[in-house]
Amino acid sequence: MFDILKVRPELLGLGCDENTALVVDGDTARVIGASYCAVYDGGFWSREGSEEKNLPPKDRIFYFLRAGDRYNLATRKVIE
């Protein structure tokens, strides 16, 4: 997915583990299942906060959402 997003950075990359899915209702995606979904959107989000994190290069940043987490597909932000 990193190779695709390097060429097309405007795309949103989503990847879910087995037994995990995104349920989409309008602009809201909600994670269900046993594991995580990875989000590649050119940004960074962390439950612990994102201040002073040692982050990888911008084109390699991703984060994980677990069951119950929600993501706004229009604004490309985690719904906290």
PDB file of N, CA and C in Angstrom:
ATOM      1  N   MET A   1       0.814  -1.176   0.000  1.00  0.00           N
ATOM      2  CA  MET A   1       0.000   0.000   0.000  1.00  0.00           C
ATOM      3  C   MET A   1       0.869   1.256   0.000  1.00  0.00           C
ATOM      4  N   PHE A   2       2.038   1.210   0.659  1.00  0.00           N
ATOM      5  CA  PHE A   2       2.912   2.381   0.690  1.00  0.00           C
ATOM      6  C   PHE A   2       3.329   2.803  -0.721  1.00  0.00           C
ATOM      7  N   ASP A   3       3.593   1.823  -1.584  1.00  0.00           N
ATOM      8  CA  ASP A   3       4.009   2.147  -2.946  1.00  0.00           C
ATOM      9  C   ASP A   3       2.903   2.871  -3.708  1.00  0.00           C
ATOM     10  N   ILE A   4       1.667   2.438  -3.531  1.00  0.00           N
ATOM     11  CA  ILE A   4       0.531   3.085  -4.196  1.00  0.00           C
ATOM     12  C   ILE A   4       0.348   4.504  -3.677  1.00  0.00           C
ATOM     13  N   LEU A   5       0.397   4.671  -2.354  1.00  0.00           N
ATOM     14  CA  LEU A   5       0.172   5.987  -1.765  1.00  0.00           C
ATOM     15  C   LEU A   5       1.316   6.962  -2.054  1.00  0.00           C
ATOM     16  N   LYS A   6       2.484   6.439  -2.337  1.00  0.00           N
ATOM     17  CA  LYS A   6       3.584   7.320  -2.723  1.00  0.00           C
ATOM     18  C   LYS A   6       3.275   7.990  -4.067  1.00  0.00           C
ATOM     19  N   VAL A   7       2.677   7.234  -4.982  1.00  0.00           N
ATOM     20  CA  VAL A   7       2.323   7.754  -6.294  1.00  0.00           C
ATOM     21  C   VAL A   7       1.012   8.537  -6.257  1.00  0.00           C
ATOM     22  N   ARG A   8       0.075   8.108  -5.403  1.00  0.00           N
ATOM     23  CA  ARG A   8      -1.256   8.728  -5.316  1.00  0.00           C
ATOM     24  C   ARG A   8      -1.554   9.124  -3.872  1.00  0.00           C
ATOM     25  N   PRO A   9      -0.883  10.153  -3.323  1.00  0.00           N
ATOM     26  CA  PRO A   9      -1.038  10.512  -1.911  1.00  0.00           C
ATOM     27  C   PRO A   9      -2.438  11.003  -1.539  1.00  0.00           C
ATOM     28  N   GLU A  10      -3.256  11.347  -2.510  1.00  0.00           N
ATOM     29  CA  GLU A  10      -4.617  11.786  -2.211  1.00  0.00           C
ATOM     30  C   GLU A  10      -5.541  10.629  -1.837  1.00  0.00           C
ATOM     31  N   LEU A  11      -5.116   9.404  -2.088  1.00  0.00           N
ATOM     32  CA  LEU A  11      -5.934   8.238  -1.753  1.00  0.00           C
ATOM     33  C   LEU A  11      -5.887   7.956  -0.255  1.00  0.00           C
ATOM     34  N   LEU A  12      -6.913   7.299   0.229  1.00  0.00           N
ATOM     35  CA  LEU A  12      -6.988   6.854   1.617  1.00  0.00           C
ATOM     36  C   LEU A  12      -6.722   5.356   1.637  1.00  0.00           C
ATOM     37  N   GLY A  13      -5.767   4.940   2.440  1.00  0.00           N
ATOM     38  CA  GLY A  13      -5.448   3.518   2.535  1.00  0.00           C
ATOM     39  C   GLY A  13      -6.025   2.920   3.808  1.00  0.00           C
ATOM     40  N   LEU A  14      -6.775   1.843   3.648  1.00  0.00           N
ATOM     41  CA  LEU A  14      -7.373   1.138   4.786  1.00  0.00           C
ATOM     42  C   LEU A  14      -7.067  -0.339   4.649  1.00  0.00           C
ATOM     43  N   GLY A  15      -6.643  -0.948   5.721  1.00  0.00           N
ATOM     44  CA  GLY A  15      -6.376  -2.373   5.716  1.00  0.00           C
ATOM     45  C   GLY A  15      -6.815  -2.981   7.033  1.00  0.00           C
ATOM     46  N   CYS A  16      -7.607  -4.051   6.976  1.00  0.00           N
ATOM     47  CA  CYS A  16      -8.120  -4.689   8.194  1.00  0.00           C
ATOM     48  C   CYS A  16      -7.579  -6.102   8.325  1.00  0.00           C
ATOM     49  N   ASP A  17      -7.260  -6.487   9.555  1.00  0.00           N
ATOM     50  CA  ASP A  17      -6.837  -7.851   9.846  1.00  0.00           C
ATOM     51  C   ASP A  17      -8.001  -8.810   9.634  1.00  0.00           C
ATOM     52  N   GLU A  18      -7.682 -10.096   9.635  1.00  0.00           N
ATOM     53  CA  GLU A  18      -8.721 -11.120   9.556  1.00  0.00           C
ATOM     54  C   GLU A  18      -9.682 -10.969  10.724  1.00  0.00           C
ATOM     55  N   ASN A  19     -10.931 -11.332  10.519  1.00  0.00           N
ATOM     56  CA  ASN A  19     -11.980 -11.254  11.544  1.00  0.00           C
ATOM     57  C   ASN A  19     -12.221  -9.831  12.020  1.00  0.00           C
ATOM     58  N   THR A  20     -11.901  -8.857  11.168  1.00  0.00           N
ATOM     59  CA  THR A  20     -12.096  -7.443  11.486  1.00  0.00           C
ATOM     60  C   THR A  20     -12.605  -6.747  10.237  1.00  0.00           C
ATOM     61  N   ALA A  21     -13.471  -5.738  10.414  1.00  0.00           N
ATOM     62  CA  ALA A  21     -14.050  -5.042   9.266  1.00  0.00           C
ATOM     63  C   ALA A  21     -14.370  -3.604   9.631  1.00  0.00           C
ATOM     64  N   LEU A  22     -14.591  -2.804   8.600  1.00  0.00           N
ATOM     65  CA  LEU A  22     -15.097  -1.449   8.749  1.00  0.00           C
ATOM     66  C   LEU A  22     -16.550  -1.451   8.291  1.00  0.00           C
ATOM     67  N   VAL A  23     -17.431  -0.970   9.140  1.00  0.00           N
ATOM     68  CA  VAL A  23     -18.834  -0.801   8.780  1.00  0.00           C
ATOM     69  C   VAL A  23     -19.006   0.677   8.444  1.00  0.00           C
ATOM     70  N   VAL A  24     -19.435   0.957   7.217  1.00  0.00           N
ATOM     71  CA  VAL A  24     -19.546   2.344   6.764  1.00  0.00           C
ATOM     72  C   VAL A  24     -21.013   2.754   6.732  1.00  0.00           C
ATOM     73  N   ASP A  25     -21.281   3.901   7.381  1.00  0.00           N
ATOM     74  CA  ASP A  25     -22.610   4.504   7.389  1.00  0.00           C
ATOM     75  C   ASP A  25     -22.417   5.984   7.083  1.00  0.00           C
ATOM     76  N   GLY A  26     -22.723   6.397   5.853  1.00  0.00           N
ATOM     77  CA  GLY A  26     -22.459   7.774   5.441  1.00  0.00           C
ATOM     78  C   GLY A  26     -20.967   8.020   5.409  1.00  0.00           C
ATOM     79  N   ASP A  27     -20.516   9.030   6.131  1.00  0.00           N
ATOM     80  CA  ASP A  27     -19.091   9.360   6.193  1.00  0.00           C
ATOM     81  C   ASP A  27     -18.374   8.687   7.350  1.00  0.00           C
ATOM     82  N   THR A  28     -19.104   7.906   8.151  1.00  0.00           N
ATOM     83  CA  THR A  28     -18.516   7.300   9.345  1.00  0.00           C
ATOM     84  C   THR A  28     -18.214   5.820   9.117  1.00  0.00           C
ATOM     85  N   ALA A  29     -16.970   5.446   9.405  1.00  0.00           N
ATOM     86  CA  ALA A  29     -16.553   4.047   9.374  1.00  0.00           C
ATOM     87  C   ALA A  29     -16.284   3.624  10.813  1.00  0.00           C
ATOM     88  N   ARG A  30     -16.840   2.467  11.207  1.00  0.00           N
ATOM     89  CA  ARG A  30     -16.674   1.948  12.566  1.00  0.00           C
ATOM     90  C   ARG A  30     -16.031   0.579  12.486  1.00  0.00           C
ATOM     91  N   VAL A  31     -15.014   0.352  13.311  1.00  0.00           N
ATOM     92  CA  VAL A  31     -14.305  -0.922  13.319  1.00  0.00           C
ATOM     93  C   VAL A  31     -15.080  -1.929  14.165  1.00  0.00           C
ATOM     94  N   ILE A  32     -15.266  -3.124  13.610  1.00  0.00           N
ATOM     95  CA  ILE A  32     -15.850  -4.239  14.353  1.00  0.00           C
ATOM     96  C   ILE A  32     -14.927  -5.442  14.196  1.00  0.00           C
ATOM     97  N   GLY A  33     -14.994  -6.349  15.147  1.00  0.00           N
ATOM     98  CA  GLY A  33     -14.239  -7.580  15.024  1.00  0.00           C
ATOM     99  C   GLY A  33     -13.175  -7.745  16.087  1.00  0.00           C
ATOM    100  N   ALA A  34     -12.300  -8.715  15.839  1.00  0.00           N
ATOM    101  CA  ALA A  34     -11.359  -9.176  16.851  1.00  0.00           C
ATOM    102  C   ALA A  34     -10.012  -8.455  16.867  1.00  0.00           C
ATOM    103  N   SER A  35      -9.703  -7.700  15.818  1.00  0.00           N
ATOM    104  CA  SER A  35      -8.349  -7.139  15.744  1.00  0.00           C
ATOM    105  C   SER A  35      -8.392  -5.658  15.375  1.00  0.00           C
ATOM    106  N   TYR A  36      -7.560  -5.254  14.428  1.00  0.00           N
ATOM    107  CA  TYR A  36      -7.375  -3.839  14.113  1.00  0.00           C
ATOM    108  C   TYR A  36      -7.525  -3.564  12.621  1.00  0.00           C
ATOM    109  N   CYS A  37      -7.806  -2.296  12.301  1.00  0.00           N
ATOM    110  CA  CYS A  37      -7.711  -1.789  10.940  1.00  0.00           C
ATOM    111  C   CYS A  37      -6.624  -0.719  10.934  1.00  0.00           C
ATOM    112  N   ALA A  38      -5.769  -0.770   9.932  1.00  0.00           N
ATOM    113  CA  ALA A  38      -4.724   0.236   9.773  1.00  0.00           C
ATOM    114  C   ALA A  38      -5.248   1.336   8.863  1.00  0.00           C
ATOM    115  N   VAL A  39      -4.921   2.575   9.198  1.00  0.00           N
ATOM    116  CA  VAL A  39      -5.341   3.735   8.411  1.00  0.00           C
ATOM    117  C   VAL A  39      -4.093   4.456   7.928  1.00  0.00           C
ATOM    118  N   TYR A  40      -4.027   4.660   6.617  1.00  0.00           N
ATOM    119  CA  TYR A  40      -2.935   5.396   5.987  1.00  0.00           C
ATOM    120  C   TYR A  40      -3.565   6.626   5.347  1.00  0.00           C
ATOM    121  N   ASP A  41      -3.473   7.773   6.022  1.00  0.00           N
ATOM    122  CA  ASP A  41      -4.119   8.981   5.495  1.00  0.00           C
ATOM    123  C   ASP A  41      -3.183  10.189   5.467  1.00  0.00           C
ATOM    124  N   GLY A  42      -1.899   9.966   5.672  1.00  0.00           N
ATOM    125  CA  GLY A  42      -0.945  11.070   5.667  1.00  0.00           C
ATOM    126  C   GLY A  42      -0.903  11.828   6.984  1.00  0.00           C
ATOM    127  N   GLY A  43      -1.658  11.357   7.969  1.00  0.00           N
ATOM    128  CA  GLY A  43      -1.679  12.004   9.276  1.00  0.00           C
ATOM    129  C   GLY A  43      -1.248  11.048  10.360  1.00  0.00           C
ATOM    130  N   PHE A  44      -1.457  11.459  11.584  1.00  0.00           N
ATOM    131  CA  PHE A  44      -1.108  10.613  12.713  1.00  0.00           C
ATOM    132  C   PHE A  44      -2.115  10.829  13.826  1.00  0.00           C
ATOM    133  N   TRP A  45      -2.491   9.754  14.500  1.00  0.00           N
ATOM    134  CA  TRP A  45      -3.387   9.813  15.644  1.00  0.00           C
ATOM    135  C   TRP A  45      -2.933   8.749  16.627  1.00  0.00           C
ATOM    136  N   SER A  46      -3.047   9.064  17.925  1.00  0.00           N
ATOM    137  CA  SER A  46      -2.682   8.116  18.963  1.00  0.00           C
ATOM    138  C   SER A  46      -3.591   8.313  20.161  1.00  0.00           C
ATOM    139  N   ARG A  47      -4.014   7.214  20.772  1.00  0.00           N
ATOM    140  CA  ARG A  47      -4.817   7.309  21.986  1.00  0.00           C
ATOM    141  C   ARG A  47      -4.090   8.084  23.074  1.00  0.00           C
ATOM    142  N   GLU A  48      -2.767   7.969  23.086  1.00  0.00           N
ATOM    143  CA  GLU A  48      -1.951   8.627  24.096  1.00  0.00           C
ATOM    144  C   GLU A  48      -1.622  10.062  23.720  1.00  0.00           C
ATOM    145  N   GLY A  49      -2.061  10.511  22.556  1.00  0.00           N
ATOM    146  CA  GLY A  49      -1.712  11.843  22.067  1.00  0.00           C
ATOM    147  C   GLY A  49      -0.581  11.758  21.068  1.00  0.00           C
ATOM    148  N   SER A  50      -0.414  12.789  20.293  1.00  0.00           N
ATOM    149  CA  SER A  50       0.612  12.744  19.248  1.00  0.00           C
ATOM    150  C   SER A  50       1.735  13.736  19.482  1.00  0.00           C
ATOM    151  N   GLU A  51       1.737  14.394  20.618  1.00  0.00           N
ATOM    152  CA  GLU A  51       2.792  15.360  20.910  1.00  0.00           C
ATOM    153  C   GLU A  51       4.126  14.650  21.146  1.00  0.00           C
ATOM    154  N   GLU A  52       5.157  15.190  20.552  1.00  0.00           N
ATOM    155  CA  GLU A  52       6.530  14.739  20.777  1.00  0.00           C
ATOM    156  C   GLU A  52       6.748  13.251  20.516  1.00  0.00           C
ATOM    157  N   LYS A  53       6.053  12.718  19.536  1.00  0.00           N
ATOM    158  CA  LYS A  53       6.288  11.334  19.128  1.00  0.00           C
ATOM    159  C   LYS A  53       7.418  11.313  18.107  1.00  0.00           C
ATOM    160  N   ASN A  54       8.212  10.268  18.147  1.00  0.00           N
ATOM    161  CA  ASN A  54       9.248  10.077  17.146  1.00  0.00           C
ATOM    162  C   ASN A  54       8.591   9.357  15.966  1.00  0.00           C
ATOM    163  N   LEU A  55       8.183  10.128  14.952  1.00  0.00           N
ATOM    164  CA  LEU A  55       7.401   9.579  13.854  1.00  0.00           C
ATOM    165  C   LEU A  55       8.271   9.231  12.648  1.00  0.00           C
ATOM    166  N   PRO A  56       7.836   8.236  11.870  1.00  0.00           N
ATOM    167  CA  PRO A  56       8.542   7.915  10.624  1.00  0.00           C
ATOM    168  C   PRO A  56       8.278   9.014   9.591  1.00  0.00           C
ATOM    169  N   PRO A  57       8.934   8.938   8.427  1.00  0.00           N
ATOM    170  CA  PRO A  57       8.668   9.924   7.377  1.00  0.00           C
ATOM    171  C   PRO A  57       7.172   9.977   7.055  1.00  0.00           C
ATOM    172  N   LYS A  58       6.704  11.147   6.634  1.00  0.00           N
ATOM    173  CA  LYS A  58       5.270  11.381   6.426  1.00  0.00           C
ATOM    174  C   LYS A  58       4.634  10.350   5.491  1.00  0.00           C
ATOM    175  N   ASP A  59       5.365   9.867   4.486  1.00  0.00           N
ATOM    176  CA  ASP A  59       4.777   8.912   3.552  1.00  0.00           C
ATOM    177  C   ASP A  59       4.739   7.485   4.110  1.00  0.00           C
ATOM    178  N   ARG A  60       5.154   7.287   5.348  1.00  0.00           N
ATOM    179  CA  ARG A  60       5.154   5.960   5.977  1.00  0.00           C
ATOM    180  C   ARG A  60       4.323   5.910   7.260  1.00  0.00           C
ATOM    181  N   ILE A  61       3.574   6.971   7.542  1.00  0.00           N
ATOM    182  CA  ILE A  61       2.808   7.019   8.785  1.00  0.00           C
ATOM    183  C   ILE A  61       1.484   6.279   8.633  1.00  0.00           C
ATOM    184  N   PHE A  62       1.150   5.485   9.614  1.00  0.00           N
ATOM    185  CA  PHE A  62      -0.155   4.848   9.688  1.00  0.00           C
ATOM    186  C   PHE A  62      -0.482   4.649  11.153  1.00  0.00           C
ATOM    187  N   TYR A  63      -1.730   4.318  11.424  1.00  0.00           N
ATOM    188  CA  TYR A  63      -2.120   4.048  12.807  1.00  0.00           C
ATOM    189  C   TYR A  63      -3.219   3.011  12.821  1.00  0.00           C
ATOM    190  N   PHE A  64      -3.447   2.442  13.984  1.00  0.00           N
ATOM    191  CA  PHE A  64      -4.393   1.352  14.139  1.00  0.00           C
ATOM    192  C   PHE A  64      -5.648   1.810  14.871  1.00  0.00           C
ATOM    193  N   LEU A  65      -6.775   1.337  14.377  1.00  0.00           N
ATOM    194  CA  LEU A  65      -8.053   1.525  15.061  1.00  0.00           C
ATOM    195  C   LEU A  65      -8.552   0.152  15.482  1.00  0.00           C
ATOM    196  N   ARG A  66      -9.101   0.069  16.684  1.00  0.00           N
ATOM    197  CA  ARG A  66      -9.597  -1.212  17.200  1.00  0.00           C
ATOM    198  C   ARG A  66     -11.121  -1.191  17.255  1.00  0.00           C
ATOM    199  N   ALA A  67     -11.693  -2.316  17.635  1.00  0.00           N
ATOM    200  CA  ALA A  67     -13.154  -2.454  17.682  1.00  0.00           C
ATOM    201  C   ALA A  67     -13.780  -1.303  18.456  1.00  0.00           C
ATOM    202  N   GLY A  68     -14.786  -0.685  17.846  1.00  0.00           N
ATOM    203  CA  GLY A  68     -15.490   0.429  18.454  1.00  0.00           C
ATOM    204  C   GLY A  68     -14.973   1.788  18.025  1.00  0.00           C
ATOM    205  N   ASP A  69     -13.730   1.859  17.529  1.00  0.00           N
ATOM    206  CA  ASP A  69     -13.195   3.131  17.062  1.00  0.00           C
ATOM    207  C   ASP A  69     -13.937   3.552  15.797  1.00  0.00           C
ATOM    208  N   ARG A  70     -14.077   4.878  15.636  1.00  0.00           N
ATOM    209  CA  ARG A  70     -14.777   5.414  14.467  1.00  0.00           C
ATOM    210  C   ARG A  70     -13.879   6.413  13.737  1.00  0.00           C
ATOM    211  N   TYR A  71     -14.093   6.494  12.423  1.00  0.00           N
ATOM    212  CA  TYR A  71     -13.266   7.336  11.566  1.00  0.00           C
ATOM    213  C   TYR A  71     -14.176   8.067  10.587  1.00  0.00           C
ATOM    214  N   ASN A  72     -13.974   9.389  10.445  1.00  0.00           N
ATOM    215  CA  ASN A  72     -14.751  10.171   9.499  1.00  0.00           C
ATOM    216  C   ASN A  72     -14.036  10.140   8.148  1.00  0.00           C
ATOM    217  N   LEU A  73     -14.670   9.511   7.167  1.00  0.00           N
ATOM    218  CA  LEU A  73     -14.061   9.352   5.852  1.00  0.00           C
ATOM    219  C   LEU A  73     -13.976  10.666   5.082  1.00  0.00           C
ATOM    220  N   ALA A  74     -14.872  11.613   5.355  1.00  0.00           N
ATOM    221  CA  ALA A  74     -14.875  12.896   4.663  1.00  0.00           C
ATOM    222  C   ALA A  74     -13.761  13.811   5.161  1.00  0.00           C
ATOM    223  N   THR A  75     -13.595  13.878   6.469  1.00  0.00           N
ATOM    224  CA  THR A  75     -12.582  14.776   7.055  1.00  0.00           C
ATOM    225  C   THR A  75     -11.247  14.077   7.269  1.00  0.00           C
ATOM    226  N   ARG A  76     -11.267  12.746   7.147  1.00  0.00           N
ATOM    227  CA  ARG A  76     -10.066  11.918   7.372  1.00  0.00           C
ATOM    228  C   ARG A  76      -9.518  12.137   8.778  1.00  0.00           C
ATOM    229  N   LYS A  77     -10.400  12.049   9.745  1.00  0.00           N
ATOM    230  CA  LYS A  77     -10.028  12.203  11.153  1.00  0.00           C
ATOM    231  C   LYS A  77     -10.689  11.117  11.986  1.00  0.00           C
ATOM    232  N   VAL A  78     -10.004  10.688  13.035  1.00  0.00           N
ATOM    233  CA  VAL A  78     -10.593   9.777  14.004  1.00  0.00           C
ATOM    234  C   VAL A  78     -11.654  10.530  14.782  1.00  0.00           C
ATOM    235  N   ILE A  79     -12.796   9.881  15.011  1.00  0.00           N
ATOM    236  CA  ILE A  79     -13.858  10.459  15.816  1.00  0.00           C
ATOM    237  C   ILE A  79     -13.601  10.027  17.245  1.00  0.00           C
ATOM    238  N   GLU A  80     -13.240  11.000  18.085  1.00  0.00           N
ATOM    239  CA  GLU A  80     -12.903  10.659  19.472  1.00  0.00           C
ATOM    240  C   GLU A  80     -14.084  10.838  20.384  1.00  0.00           C
TER     241      GLU A  80
END
